[in-house]
């Protein structure tokens, strides 16, 4: 993974491996492209996830934790053409 800070936004480049993941699933179905748009929502993370769940989105697709933060991939491919990545902070 490579993260490039572009000032007001960050470009993340991921290389998939043989480990099953939402990333490798996307490449298998669509080829390489834009997997998700990420949003840092601060303390509103739980409310945003609940709002998206109430709208019918699959919010339990992939949940990850890393030092100092976490992320949730929301399956929005059918509606938006990409997934959403909701996290409190980078």
N, C-alpha and C. Protein backbone atom coordinates (compact mmCIF):
# COMPACT_ATOMS: atom_id res chain seq x y z
N UNK A 1 0.83 -1.17 0.00
CA UNK A 1 0.00 0.00 0.00
C UNK A 1 0.88 1.24 0.00
N UNK A 2 0.43 2.24 -0.71
CA UNK A 2 1.14 3.52 -0.75
C UNK A 2 0.11 4.62 -0.50
N UNK A 3 0.39 5.52 0.41
CA UNK A 3 -0.49 6.64 0.70
C UNK A 3 0.24 7.93 0.35
N UNK A 4 -0.37 8.71 -0.53
CA UNK A 4 0.22 9.98 -0.97
C UNK A 4 -0.67 11.11 -0.48
N UNK A 5 -0.15 11.93 0.42
CA UNK A 5 -0.91 13.06 0.95
C UNK A 5 -0.92 14.16 -0.09
N UNK A 6 -2.11 14.51 -0.57
CA UNK A 6 -2.27 15.50 -1.63
C UNK A 6 -2.75 16.84 -1.06
N UNK A 7 -2.57 17.07 0.22
CA UNK A 7 -3.02 18.32 0.84
C UNK A 7 -4.38 18.12 1.48
N UNK A 8 -5.44 18.36 0.75
CA UNK A 8 -6.80 18.21 1.28
C UNK A 8 -7.35 16.80 1.13
N UNK A 9 -6.61 15.90 0.49
CA UNK A 9 -7.05 14.52 0.33
C UNK A 9 -5.85 13.60 0.18
N UNK A 10 -6.09 12.29 0.31
CA UNK A 10 -5.02 11.30 0.25
C UNK A 10 -5.33 10.29 -0.85
N UNK A 11 -4.35 9.99 -1.67
CA UNK A 11 -4.46 8.96 -2.69
C UNK A 11 -3.81 7.70 -2.13
N UNK A 12 -4.59 6.61 -2.04
CA UNK A 12 -4.06 5.34 -1.57
C UNK A 12 -4.01 4.37 -2.74
N UNK A 13 -2.88 3.73 -2.92
CA UNK A 13 -2.72 2.71 -3.95
C UNK A 13 -2.49 1.38 -3.26
N UNK A 14 -3.29 0.39 -3.59
CA UNK A 14 -3.20 -0.93 -2.97
C UNK A 14 -2.83 -1.97 -4.02
N UNK A 15 -1.97 -2.89 -3.65
CA UNK A 15 -1.65 -4.05 -4.49
C UNK A 15 -2.28 -5.26 -3.82
N UNK A 16 -3.18 -5.92 -4.51
CA UNK A 16 -3.83 -7.09 -3.90
C UNK A 16 -2.89 -8.28 -3.92
N UNK A 17 -3.10 -9.17 -2.98
CA UNK A 17 -2.35 -10.42 -2.95
C UNK A 17 -3.35 -11.57 -2.96
N UNK A 18 -2.94 -12.74 -2.59
CA UNK A 18 -3.82 -13.91 -2.63
C UNK A 18 -4.75 -14.01 -1.42
N UNK A 19 -4.57 -13.12 -0.44
CA UNK A 19 -5.41 -13.12 0.74
C UNK A 19 -6.82 -12.65 0.37
N UNK A 20 -7.86 -13.41 0.73
CA UNK A 20 -9.23 -12.95 0.44
C UNK A 20 -9.50 -11.61 1.11
N UNK A 21 -10.00 -10.66 0.34
CA UNK A 21 -10.32 -9.34 0.87
C UNK A 21 -11.30 -8.66 -0.06
N UNK A 22 -11.86 -7.57 0.40
CA UNK A 22 -12.75 -6.79 -0.45
C UNK A 22 -11.98 -6.23 -1.65
N UNK A 23 -10.68 -6.00 -1.49
CA UNK A 23 -9.86 -5.48 -2.59
C UNK A 23 -9.66 -6.54 -3.67
N UNK A 24 -9.29 -7.77 -3.26
CA UNK A 24 -9.08 -8.83 -4.25
C UNK A 24 -10.39 -9.24 -4.91
N UNK A 25 -11.48 -9.18 -4.16
CA UNK A 25 -12.80 -9.46 -4.73
C UNK A 25 -13.14 -8.45 -5.82
N UNK A 26 -12.87 -7.18 -5.56
CA UNK A 26 -13.14 -6.12 -6.53
C UNK A 26 -12.34 -6.34 -7.81
N UNK A 27 -11.04 -6.62 -7.66
CA UNK A 27 -10.18 -6.84 -8.84
C UNK A 27 -10.65 -8.04 -9.62
N UNK A 28 -11.06 -9.11 -8.92
CA UNK A 28 -11.57 -10.30 -9.60
C UNK A 28 -12.82 -10.05 -10.41
N UNK A 29 -13.69 -9.18 -9.90
CA UNK A 29 -14.96 -8.88 -10.57
C UNK A 29 -14.85 -7.78 -11.62
N UNK A 30 -14.01 -6.76 -11.36
CA UNK A 30 -13.99 -5.56 -12.21
C UNK A 30 -12.64 -5.27 -12.86
N UNK A 31 -11.59 -5.91 -12.39
CA UNK A 31 -10.25 -5.53 -12.81
C UNK A 31 -9.79 -4.36 -11.95
N UNK A 32 -8.61 -3.84 -12.26
CA UNK A 32 -8.08 -2.73 -11.47
C UNK A 32 -8.87 -1.45 -11.72
N UNK A 33 -9.08 -0.67 -10.68
CA UNK A 33 -9.83 0.57 -10.79
C UNK A 33 -10.04 1.17 -9.42
N UNK A 34 -11.01 2.05 -9.32
CA UNK A 34 -11.32 2.73 -8.06
C UNK A 34 -12.19 1.80 -7.21
N UNK A 35 -11.64 1.35 -6.10
CA UNK A 35 -12.35 0.46 -5.20
C UNK A 35 -13.26 1.21 -4.24
N UNK A 36 -12.77 2.33 -3.69
CA UNK A 36 -13.58 3.06 -2.71
C UNK A 36 -13.23 4.55 -2.68
N UNK A 37 -14.15 5.29 -2.14
CA UNK A 37 -13.93 6.68 -1.77
C UNK A 37 -13.97 6.71 -0.25
N UNK A 38 -12.96 7.30 0.37
CA UNK A 38 -12.88 7.32 1.81
C UNK A 38 -13.28 8.66 2.39
N UNK A 39 -13.89 8.60 3.55
CA UNK A 39 -14.33 9.81 4.25
C UNK A 39 -13.92 9.74 5.71
N UNK A 40 -13.23 10.75 6.18
CA UNK A 40 -12.92 10.90 7.59
C UNK A 40 -14.06 11.69 8.22
N UNK A 41 -14.75 11.08 9.15
CA UNK A 41 -15.94 11.71 9.71
C UNK A 41 -15.82 12.02 11.20
N UNK A 42 -14.63 11.82 11.76
CA UNK A 42 -14.40 12.16 13.16
C UNK A 42 -15.30 11.40 14.11
N UNK A 43 -15.78 12.11 15.11
CA UNK A 43 -16.62 11.49 16.15
C UNK A 43 -17.98 11.05 15.64
N UNK A 44 -18.36 11.43 14.42
CA UNK A 44 -19.67 11.07 13.87
C UNK A 44 -19.65 9.69 13.21
N UNK A 45 -18.54 8.97 13.31
CA UNK A 45 -18.42 7.69 12.60
C UNK A 45 -19.58 6.75 12.87
N UNK A 46 -19.91 6.50 14.12
CA UNK A 46 -20.99 5.55 14.44
C UNK A 46 -22.32 6.02 13.88
N UNK A 47 -22.59 7.32 13.92
CA UNK A 47 -23.83 7.84 13.38
C UNK A 47 -23.87 7.71 11.86
N UNK A 48 -22.74 7.94 11.20
CA UNK A 48 -22.68 7.80 9.74
C UNK A 48 -22.91 6.34 9.35
N UNK A 49 -22.26 5.42 10.04
CA UNK A 49 -22.44 3.99 9.75
C UNK A 49 -23.90 3.59 9.97
N UNK A 50 -24.49 4.05 11.06
CA UNK A 50 -25.90 3.72 11.33
C UNK A 50 -26.81 4.30 10.25
N UNK A 51 -26.55 5.53 9.82
CA UNK A 51 -27.34 6.17 8.76
C UNK A 51 -27.26 5.35 7.47
N UNK A 52 -26.05 4.92 7.09
CA UNK A 52 -25.88 4.12 5.88
C UNK A 52 -26.55 2.75 6.02
N UNK A 53 -26.47 2.17 7.21
CA UNK A 53 -27.14 0.89 7.47
C UNK A 53 -28.65 1.05 7.34
N UNK A 54 -29.19 2.13 7.93
CA UNK A 54 -30.63 2.38 7.84
C UNK A 54 -31.09 2.59 6.40
N UNK A 55 -30.18 3.07 5.54
CA UNK A 55 -30.50 3.26 4.12
C UNK A 55 -30.40 1.95 3.34
N UNK A 56 -29.95 0.88 3.99
CA UNK A 56 -29.91 -0.42 3.36
C UNK A 56 -28.55 -0.87 2.86
N UNK A 57 -27.51 -0.09 3.13
CA UNK A 57 -26.16 -0.47 2.71
C UNK A 57 -25.59 -1.54 3.65
N UNK A 58 -24.78 -2.44 3.09
CA UNK A 58 -24.08 -3.46 3.87
C UNK A 58 -22.88 -2.79 4.54
N UNK A 59 -22.97 -2.57 5.82
CA UNK A 59 -21.90 -1.89 6.56
C UNK A 59 -21.00 -2.89 7.30
N UNK A 60 -21.30 -4.18 7.16
CA UNK A 60 -20.52 -5.21 7.85
C UNK A 60 -19.57 -5.93 6.89
N UNK A 61 -19.36 -5.35 5.71
CA UNK A 61 -18.54 -6.01 4.69
C UNK A 61 -17.11 -6.22 5.16
N UNK A 62 -16.41 -5.17 5.52
CA UNK A 62 -15.03 -5.28 5.99
C UNK A 62 -14.80 -4.21 7.05
N UNK A 63 -14.32 -4.63 8.20
CA UNK A 63 -14.00 -3.71 9.28
C UNK A 63 -12.54 -3.95 9.65
N UNK A 64 -11.76 -2.89 9.72
CA UNK A 64 -10.35 -3.04 10.04
C UNK A 64 -9.92 -2.06 11.11
N UNK A 65 -8.89 -2.43 11.83
CA UNK A 65 -8.34 -1.59 12.89
C UNK A 65 -6.84 -1.49 12.66
N UNK A 66 -6.32 -0.29 12.80
CA UNK A 66 -4.87 -0.09 12.75
C UNK A 66 -4.52 0.91 13.84
N UNK A 67 -3.25 1.05 14.20
CA UNK A 67 -2.88 1.92 15.32
C UNK A 67 -3.45 3.34 15.19
N UNK A 68 -4.28 3.70 16.12
CA UNK A 68 -4.82 5.05 16.18
C UNK A 68 -6.13 5.27 15.45
N UNK A 69 -6.64 4.28 14.73
CA UNK A 69 -7.90 4.49 14.01
C UNK A 69 -8.48 3.15 13.56
N UNK A 70 -9.54 3.23 12.77
CA UNK A 70 -10.19 2.05 12.21
C UNK A 70 -10.91 2.46 10.93
N UNK A 71 -11.42 1.48 10.21
CA UNK A 71 -12.15 1.79 8.98
C UNK A 71 -13.23 0.75 8.74
N UNK A 72 -14.24 1.15 8.01
CA UNK A 72 -15.33 0.27 7.62
C UNK A 72 -15.58 0.46 6.13
N UNK A 73 -15.51 -0.64 5.36
CA UNK A 73 -15.87 -0.59 3.95
C UNK A 73 -17.36 -0.81 3.85
N UNK A 74 -18.07 0.12 3.24
CA UNK A 74 -19.51 0.03 3.03
C UNK A 74 -19.74 -0.34 1.58
N UNK A 75 -20.50 -1.41 1.34
CA UNK A 75 -20.77 -1.87 -0.02
C UNK A 75 -21.78 -0.94 -0.68
N UNK A 76 -21.29 -0.08 -1.55
CA UNK A 76 -22.15 0.86 -2.28
C UNK A 76 -21.96 0.71 -3.79
N UNK A 77 -21.32 -0.40 -4.22
CA UNK A 77 -21.02 -0.59 -5.64
C UNK A 77 -22.25 -0.55 -6.52
N UNK A 78 -23.33 -1.21 -6.11
CA UNK A 78 -24.52 -1.26 -6.96
C UNK A 78 -25.16 0.10 -7.18
N UNK A 79 -25.05 0.98 -6.19
CA UNK A 79 -25.69 2.30 -6.29
C UNK A 79 -24.72 3.36 -6.80
N UNK A 80 -23.50 3.38 -6.27
CA UNK A 80 -22.54 4.44 -6.59
C UNK A 80 -21.42 4.02 -7.55
N UNK A 81 -21.27 2.71 -7.76
CA UNK A 81 -20.19 2.23 -8.60
C UNK A 81 -18.89 2.03 -7.87
N UNK A 82 -18.81 2.45 -6.62
CA UNK A 82 -17.64 2.26 -5.76
C UNK A 82 -18.12 1.97 -4.35
N UNK A 83 -17.22 1.49 -3.53
CA UNK A 83 -17.51 1.31 -2.11
C UNK A 83 -17.20 2.61 -1.38
N UNK A 84 -17.64 2.68 -0.14
CA UNK A 84 -17.30 3.81 0.73
C UNK A 84 -16.41 3.30 1.85
N UNK A 85 -15.44 4.09 2.24
CA UNK A 85 -14.56 3.76 3.37
C UNK A 85 -14.79 4.85 4.40
N UNK A 86 -15.39 4.47 5.52
CA UNK A 86 -15.72 5.42 6.58
C UNK A 86 -14.76 5.21 7.74
N UNK A 87 -14.08 6.28 8.13
CA UNK A 87 -13.15 6.18 9.26
C UNK A 87 -13.19 7.47 10.06
N UNK A 88 -12.88 7.36 11.37
CA UNK A 88 -12.89 8.57 12.19
C UNK A 88 -11.72 9.50 11.87
N UNK A 89 -10.55 8.92 11.59
CA UNK A 89 -9.37 9.74 11.25
C UNK A 89 -8.36 8.86 10.55
N UNK A 90 -7.43 9.50 9.90
CA UNK A 90 -6.36 8.78 9.20
C UNK A 90 -5.39 8.17 10.17
